[in-house]
N, C-alpha and C. Protein backbone atom coordinates (compact mmCIF):
# COMPACT_ATOMS: atom_id res chain seq x y z
N UNK A 1 -65.81 89.80 -6.05
CA UNK A 1 -64.77 89.47 -6.23
C UNK A 1 -63.68 89.03 -4.60
N UNK A 2 -62.67 88.07 -5.07
CA UNK A 2 -62.38 87.40 -3.87
C UNK A 2 -62.02 88.39 -3.11
N UNK A 3 -61.29 87.56 -1.72
CA UNK A 3 -60.59 88.24 -0.77
C UNK A 3 -59.13 88.61 -1.31
N UNK A 4 -58.42 89.49 -1.25
CA UNK A 4 -57.18 89.59 -0.80
C UNK A 4 -56.16 88.41 -0.39
N UNK A 5 -55.54 87.44 -0.25
CA UNK A 5 -54.90 86.33 0.53
C UNK A 5 -54.05 87.09 1.30
N UNK A 6 -53.45 88.01 1.05
CA UNK A 6 -52.68 88.53 2.21
C UNK A 6 -53.81 88.65 3.20
N UNK A 7 -54.70 89.91 2.78
CA UNK A 7 -56.03 90.13 4.57
C UNK A 7 -55.99 88.67 5.49
N UNK A 8 -56.72 87.53 4.19
CA UNK A 8 -56.73 86.53 5.00
C UNK A 8 -55.33 86.22 5.81
N UNK A 9 -54.48 85.89 5.15
CA UNK A 9 -53.30 85.34 5.84
C UNK A 9 -52.91 86.64 6.87
N UNK A 10 -52.99 87.74 7.03
CA UNK A 10 -52.77 88.23 7.97
C UNK A 10 -53.64 88.19 9.41
N UNK A 11 -55.35 88.08 9.49
CA UNK A 11 -55.41 87.53 10.57
C UNK A 11 -55.53 86.34 10.93
N UNK A 12 -55.10 85.80 9.55
CA UNK A 12 -54.82 84.34 10.29
C UNK A 12 -53.30 84.54 11.04
N UNK A 13 -52.58 85.00 10.98
CA UNK A 13 -51.70 85.15 11.67
C UNK A 13 -52.02 85.81 12.98
N UNK A 14 -53.11 86.89 12.90
CA UNK A 14 -52.87 87.66 14.72
C UNK A 14 -54.04 86.40 15.60
N UNK A 15 -53.86 84.95 15.12
CA UNK A 15 -55.06 84.46 15.50
C UNK A 15 -56.31 84.53 15.00
N UNK A 16 -56.85 85.23 13.82
CA UNK A 16 -58.53 84.79 13.58
C UNK A 16 -58.81 83.27 13.43
N UNK A 17 -60.31 83.69 14.06
CA UNK A 17 -60.91 82.15 14.07
C UNK A 17 -61.59 82.59 12.83
N UNK A 18 -62.20 80.65 12.24
CA UNK A 18 -63.23 81.07 11.11
C UNK A 18 -64.11 81.62 11.25
N UNK A 19 -64.39 82.09 12.36
CA UNK A 19 -66.03 83.25 12.77
C UNK A 19 -65.97 84.32 12.97
N UNK A 20 -64.59 84.85 12.97
CA UNK A 20 -63.52 86.03 12.91
C UNK A 20 -63.31 86.52 11.65
N UNK A 21 -62.90 85.67 10.85
CA UNK A 21 -62.55 85.44 9.95
C UNK A 21 -63.51 86.06 8.48
N UNK A 22 -65.00 85.40 8.70
CA UNK A 22 -65.97 86.10 8.32
C UNK A 22 -66.50 87.50 8.70
N UNK A 23 -66.15 87.02 9.65
CA UNK A 23 -67.17 88.72 9.95
C UNK A 23 -66.16 90.11 10.14
N UNK A 24 -64.96 90.05 9.93
CA UNK A 24 -64.04 90.99 10.63
C UNK A 24 -63.28 91.09 8.94
N UNK A 25 -63.24 90.07 7.76
CA UNK A 25 -62.61 90.19 6.70
C UNK A 25 -62.96 89.65 5.64
N UNK A 26 -64.20 88.60 5.57
CA UNK A 26 -64.83 88.58 4.13
C UNK A 26 -65.80 89.32 3.83
N UNK A 27 -66.70 89.52 5.34
CA UNK A 27 -68.00 90.32 4.93
C UNK A 27 -68.15 91.57 4.59
N UNK A 28 -66.79 92.39 5.76
CA UNK A 28 -66.90 93.69 5.15
C UNK A 28 -66.11 93.87 3.40
N UNK A 29 -65.30 92.34 2.61
CA UNK A 29 -64.34 92.66 1.83
C UNK A 29 -65.99 92.83 0.95
N UNK A 30 -67.13 91.78 1.01
CA UNK A 30 -68.12 91.63 0.20
C UNK A 30 -69.33 92.04 -0.02
N UNK A 31 -69.18 93.11 1.12
CA UNK A 31 -70.39 94.25 1.74
C UNK A 31 -71.22 94.93 0.79
N UNK A 32 -69.82 96.14 -0.07
CA UNK A 32 -70.26 97.19 -0.30
C UNK A 32 -70.52 96.10 -2.15
N UNK A 33 -70.53 95.07 -2.95
CA UNK A 33 -70.97 94.15 -3.89
C UNK A 33 -71.91 93.90 -3.31
N UNK A 34 -72.23 93.68 -2.45
CA UNK A 34 -73.76 93.17 -1.63
C UNK A 34 -74.79 93.79 -2.15
N UNK A 35 -74.57 94.71 -1.82
CA UNK A 35 -75.67 96.31 -0.94
C UNK A 35 -75.61 96.37 -2.94
N UNK A 36 -74.35 96.94 -3.98
CA UNK A 36 -74.91 96.84 -5.15
C UNK A 36 -75.94 96.56 -5.69
N UNK A 37 -75.76 95.12 -5.07
CA UNK A 37 -76.68 93.95 -6.19
C UNK A 37 -77.89 94.24 -5.55
N UNK A 38 -77.95 94.64 -3.83
CA UNK A 38 -79.39 95.32 -3.39
C UNK A 38 -80.33 96.46 -3.98
N UNK A 39 -79.28 96.95 -4.56
CA UNK A 39 -79.44 98.95 -5.28
C UNK A 39 -79.88 98.28 -6.49
N UNK A 40 -79.93 97.21 -7.28
CA UNK A 40 -79.57 97.34 -8.49
C UNK A 40 -81.08 96.70 -8.34
N UNK A 41 -81.31 95.50 -7.64
CA UNK A 41 -82.33 94.73 -7.44
C UNK A 41 -83.49 95.32 -7.88
N UNK A 42 -83.80 96.19 -6.12
CA UNK A 42 -84.65 96.81 -5.43
C UNK A 42 -85.40 98.21 -7.55
N UNK A 43 -84.36 98.61 -8.21
CA UNK A 43 -84.45 99.35 -9.44
C UNK A 43 -85.18 98.70 -10.22
N UNK A 44 -84.47 97.13 -9.96
CA UNK A 44 -85.77 96.60 -11.96
C UNK A 44 -86.78 95.99 -11.27
N UNK A 45 -87.21 95.58 -9.59
CA UNK A 45 -88.20 94.95 -9.57
C UNK A 45 -89.00 96.37 -9.15
N UNK A 46 -88.61 98.16 -8.75
CA UNK A 46 -89.91 98.81 -8.99
C UNK A 46 -89.87 98.79 -10.88
N UNK A 47 -89.34 98.64 -11.56
CA UNK A 47 -89.71 98.94 -12.95
C UNK A 47 -90.61 97.71 -12.97
N UNK A 48 -90.00 97.02 -12.97
CA UNK A 48 -90.57 95.14 -13.44
C UNK A 48 -92.38 95.33 -13.02
N UNK A 49 -92.17 95.95 -11.41
CA UNK A 49 -93.88 96.31 -10.34
C UNK A 49 -94.47 97.41 -11.59
N UNK A 50 -94.34 98.40 -11.58
CA UNK A 50 -94.51 99.03 -12.70
C UNK A 50 -95.28 99.20 -14.02
N UNK A 51 -94.73 98.52 -14.45
CA UNK A 51 -94.48 97.57 -15.67
C UNK A 51 -95.79 96.56 -15.76
N UNK A 52 -95.90 96.20 -14.89
CA UNK A 52 -96.58 94.42 -14.96
C UNK A 52 -98.10 95.53 -14.37
N UNK A 53 -98.17 96.46 -14.16
CA UNK A 53 -99.29 97.52 -13.27
C UNK A 53 -99.91 98.01 -14.39
N UNK A 54 -99.02 98.30 -15.34
CA UNK A 54 -100.05 99.00 -16.70
C UNK A 54 -100.58 97.95 -17.63
N UNK A 55 -99.68 96.59 -17.43
CA UNK A 55 -100.21 95.48 -18.71
C UNK A 55 -101.37 95.09 -17.78
N UNK A 56 -101.09 94.44 -16.65
CA UNK A 56 -102.58 93.74 -16.52
C UNK A 56 -102.74 94.20 -14.49
N UNK A 57 -103.24 95.08 -14.59
CA UNK A 57 -103.23 94.92 -13.24
C UNK A 57 -105.13 95.98 -12.98
N UNK A 58 -105.66 95.65 -12.00
CA UNK A 58 -107.03 97.02 -11.29
C UNK A 58 -106.44 97.33 -10.48
N UNK A 59 -105.11 97.74 -9.89
CA UNK A 59 -105.06 99.21 -8.72
C UNK A 59 -103.48 99.31 -9.18
N UNK A 60 -103.20 100.33 -8.89
CA UNK A 60 -101.42 100.63 -8.68
C UNK A 60 -101.35 101.92 -9.46
N UNK A 61 -100.00 102.65 -9.46
CA UNK A 61 -99.56 103.26 -10.34
C UNK A 61 -99.73 103.12 -12.15
N UNK A 62 -99.33 101.92 -12.00
CA UNK A 62 -99.33 101.83 -13.42
C UNK A 62 -100.42 101.76 -13.85
N UNK A 63 -101.71 101.53 -13.43
CA UNK A 63 -103.52 100.99 -13.99
C UNK A 63 -103.78 102.80 -13.61
N UNK A 64 -103.00 103.38 -12.78
CA UNK A 64 -104.23 104.52 -13.00
C UNK A 64 -103.40 105.48 -14.00
N UNK A 65 -102.05 105.37 -14.18
CA UNK A 65 -101.19 105.57 -15.13
C UNK A 65 -102.06 105.56 -16.89
N UNK A 66 -102.06 103.58 -16.63
CA UNK A 66 -103.15 104.01 -18.53
C UNK A 66 -104.52 103.85 -18.08
N UNK A 67 -104.99 104.03 -16.78
CA UNK A 67 -106.71 104.60 -17.21
C UNK A 67 -106.62 105.80 -17.49
N UNK A 68 -106.08 106.79 -17.06
CA UNK A 68 -106.47 108.39 -17.26
C UNK A 68 -105.47 107.88 -18.72
N UNK A 69 -104.23 107.79 -19.52
CA UNK A 69 -104.05 107.47 -20.16
C UNK A 69 -105.18 107.48 -21.61
N UNK A 70 -105.83 106.37 -21.26
CA UNK A 70 -107.43 106.46 -22.08
C UNK A 70 -108.03 107.33 -22.20
N UNK A 71 -108.06 107.63 -20.95
CA UNK A 71 -109.01 108.92 -21.06
C UNK A 71 -109.01 110.41 -21.57
N UNK A 72 -107.51 110.55 -22.15
CA UNK A 72 -106.81 111.61 -22.01
C UNK A 72 -106.86 112.65 -20.63
N UNK A 73 -106.55 112.07 -19.26
CA UNK A 73 -106.45 112.78 -18.42
C UNK A 73 -104.99 113.04 -18.24
N UNK A 74 -104.18 114.02 -18.98
CA UNK A 74 -102.90 114.31 -18.98
C UNK A 74 -102.04 114.94 -17.78
N UNK A 75 -102.95 115.46 -17.15
CA UNK A 75 -102.27 115.52 -15.84
C UNK A 75 -102.11 114.70 -14.63
N UNK A 76 -103.28 113.33 -14.42
CA UNK A 76 -103.17 112.26 -13.79
C UNK A 76 -101.86 111.86 -14.12
N UNK A 77 -101.99 111.55 -15.97
CA UNK A 77 -100.50 111.09 -15.92
C UNK A 77 -99.32 111.60 -15.73
N UNK A 78 -99.13 112.36 -16.22
CA UNK A 78 -98.03 113.15 -15.68
C UNK A 78 -97.31 112.74 -14.17
N UNK A 79 -98.73 113.10 -13.51
CA UNK A 79 -98.60 112.96 -12.25
C UNK A 79 -97.78 111.82 -11.54
N UNK A 80 -98.38 110.70 -12.03
CA UNK A 80 -98.27 109.46 -11.71
C UNK A 80 -96.57 109.06 -12.10
N UNK A 81 -96.14 109.73 -14.03
CA UNK A 81 -94.85 108.94 -13.96
C UNK A 81 -94.18 109.98 -12.96
N UNK A 82 -94.82 111.35 -12.39
CA UNK A 82 -93.78 112.51 -11.49
C UNK A 82 -93.08 111.04 -10.21
N UNK A 83 -94.66 110.97 -9.59
CA UNK A 83 -95.26 109.86 -8.25
C UNK A 83 -93.41 108.77 -8.36
N UNK A 84 -93.70 108.00 -9.94
CA UNK A 84 -92.80 106.47 -10.43
C UNK A 84 -91.56 107.39 -10.14
N UNK A 85 -91.26 108.08 -10.67
CA UNK A 85 -89.90 109.11 -10.79
C UNK A 85 -89.32 109.06 -9.53
N UNK A 86 -90.00 109.72 -8.72
CA UNK A 86 -89.75 109.85 -7.33
C UNK A 86 -89.48 109.05 -6.40
N UNK A 87 -90.12 108.03 -6.43
CA UNK A 87 -90.46 107.07 -5.16
C UNK A 87 -88.33 105.48 -5.73
N UNK A 88 -88.83 106.08 -7.28
CA UNK A 88 -86.97 105.44 -7.32
C UNK A 88 -85.93 106.63 -7.46
N UNK A 89 -85.55 107.51 -6.91
CA UNK A 89 -84.89 108.37 -7.10
C UNK A 89 -84.68 108.09 -5.34
N UNK A 90 -85.67 108.03 -4.99
CA UNK A 90 -85.74 108.03 -3.21
C UNK A 90 -85.33 106.91 -2.35
N UNK A 91 -85.38 105.92 -3.43
CA UNK A 91 -84.75 104.64 -3.05
C UNK A 91 -83.31 103.98 -3.73
N UNK A 92 -82.83 105.07 -4.41
CA UNK A 92 -81.68 104.91 -5.14
C UNK A 92 -80.66 105.88 -4.38
N UNK A 93 -81.33 106.86 -3.40
CA UNK A 93 -80.45 107.83 -2.97
C UNK A 93 -80.66 107.18 -1.56
N UNK A 94 -81.98 106.70 -1.06
CA UNK A 94 -81.30 106.19 -0.10
C UNK A 94 -80.48 105.16 0.82
N UNK A 95 -80.31 104.34 -0.80
CA UNK A 95 -79.71 102.70 -0.37
C UNK A 95 -78.17 103.73 -1.08
N UNK A 96 -77.45 104.43 -1.78
CA UNK A 96 -76.68 105.15 -1.86
C UNK A 96 -75.65 105.25 0.14
N UNK A 97 -76.90 106.18 0.39
CA UNK A 97 -76.71 106.45 1.34
C UNK A 97 -76.51 105.59 2.54
N UNK A 98 -77.36 104.22 3.25
CA UNK A 98 -76.59 103.41 3.44
C UNK A 98 -75.81 102.57 3.39
N UNK A 99 -75.21 102.54 2.24
CA UNK A 99 -74.49 102.08 1.08
C UNK A 99 -72.86 103.09 1.91
N UNK A 100 -73.32 104.26 1.78
CA UNK A 100 -72.03 104.75 2.25
C UNK A 100 -71.72 104.55 3.97
N UNK A 101 -72.90 104.76 3.96
CA UNK A 101 -72.59 104.61 6.12
C UNK A 101 -72.40 103.15 6.67
N UNK A 102 -72.34 102.18 5.72
CA UNK A 102 -72.11 100.94 6.10
C UNK A 102 -70.60 100.29 5.68
N UNK A 103 -70.65 101.26 4.87
CA UNK A 103 -69.70 101.01 4.12
C UNK A 103 -68.58 101.88 3.59
N UNK A 104 -67.76 102.58 4.55
CA UNK A 104 -67.13 103.99 4.45
C UNK A 104 -65.80 103.48 3.75
N UNK A 105 -65.24 102.73 3.43
CA UNK A 105 -64.04 102.07 3.17
C UNK A 105 -64.14 102.06 1.82
N UNK A 106 -64.64 102.06 1.44
CA UNK A 106 -64.98 101.50 -0.01
C UNK A 106 -64.98 102.77 -1.33
N UNK A 107 -64.69 102.79 -1.72
CA UNK A 107 -64.12 103.54 -3.18
C UNK A 107 -62.37 104.38 -3.08
N UNK A 108 -62.22 103.69 -1.56
CA UNK A 108 -61.20 105.59 -1.30
C UNK A 108 -59.83 104.06 -1.95
N UNK A 109 -58.71 105.49 -1.60
CA UNK A 109 -57.53 104.68 -2.19
C UNK A 109 -57.11 103.40 -3.12
């Protein structure tokens, strides 16, 4: 989203330089969306990594699950799936926590 023009005009009227506009107006306005993109990107990346390991790897969680499934070692399959889910949950939780700390104003009023 674009920065509201009234914020830019207000900062300029207070004598803000281009660098100050970028640091104090534009970046804080864009940061919530940037962090959301990072969160989504890491989630997609994690999913893609596991999927690639399932298909064509010789090590990793996906390979472990695939190998265990071939030999009907169900407990290893379930454990592998749980590890994948826990890592995904922790990534999401930590990134949301970081987003709340870096952008406390986002989502209010």
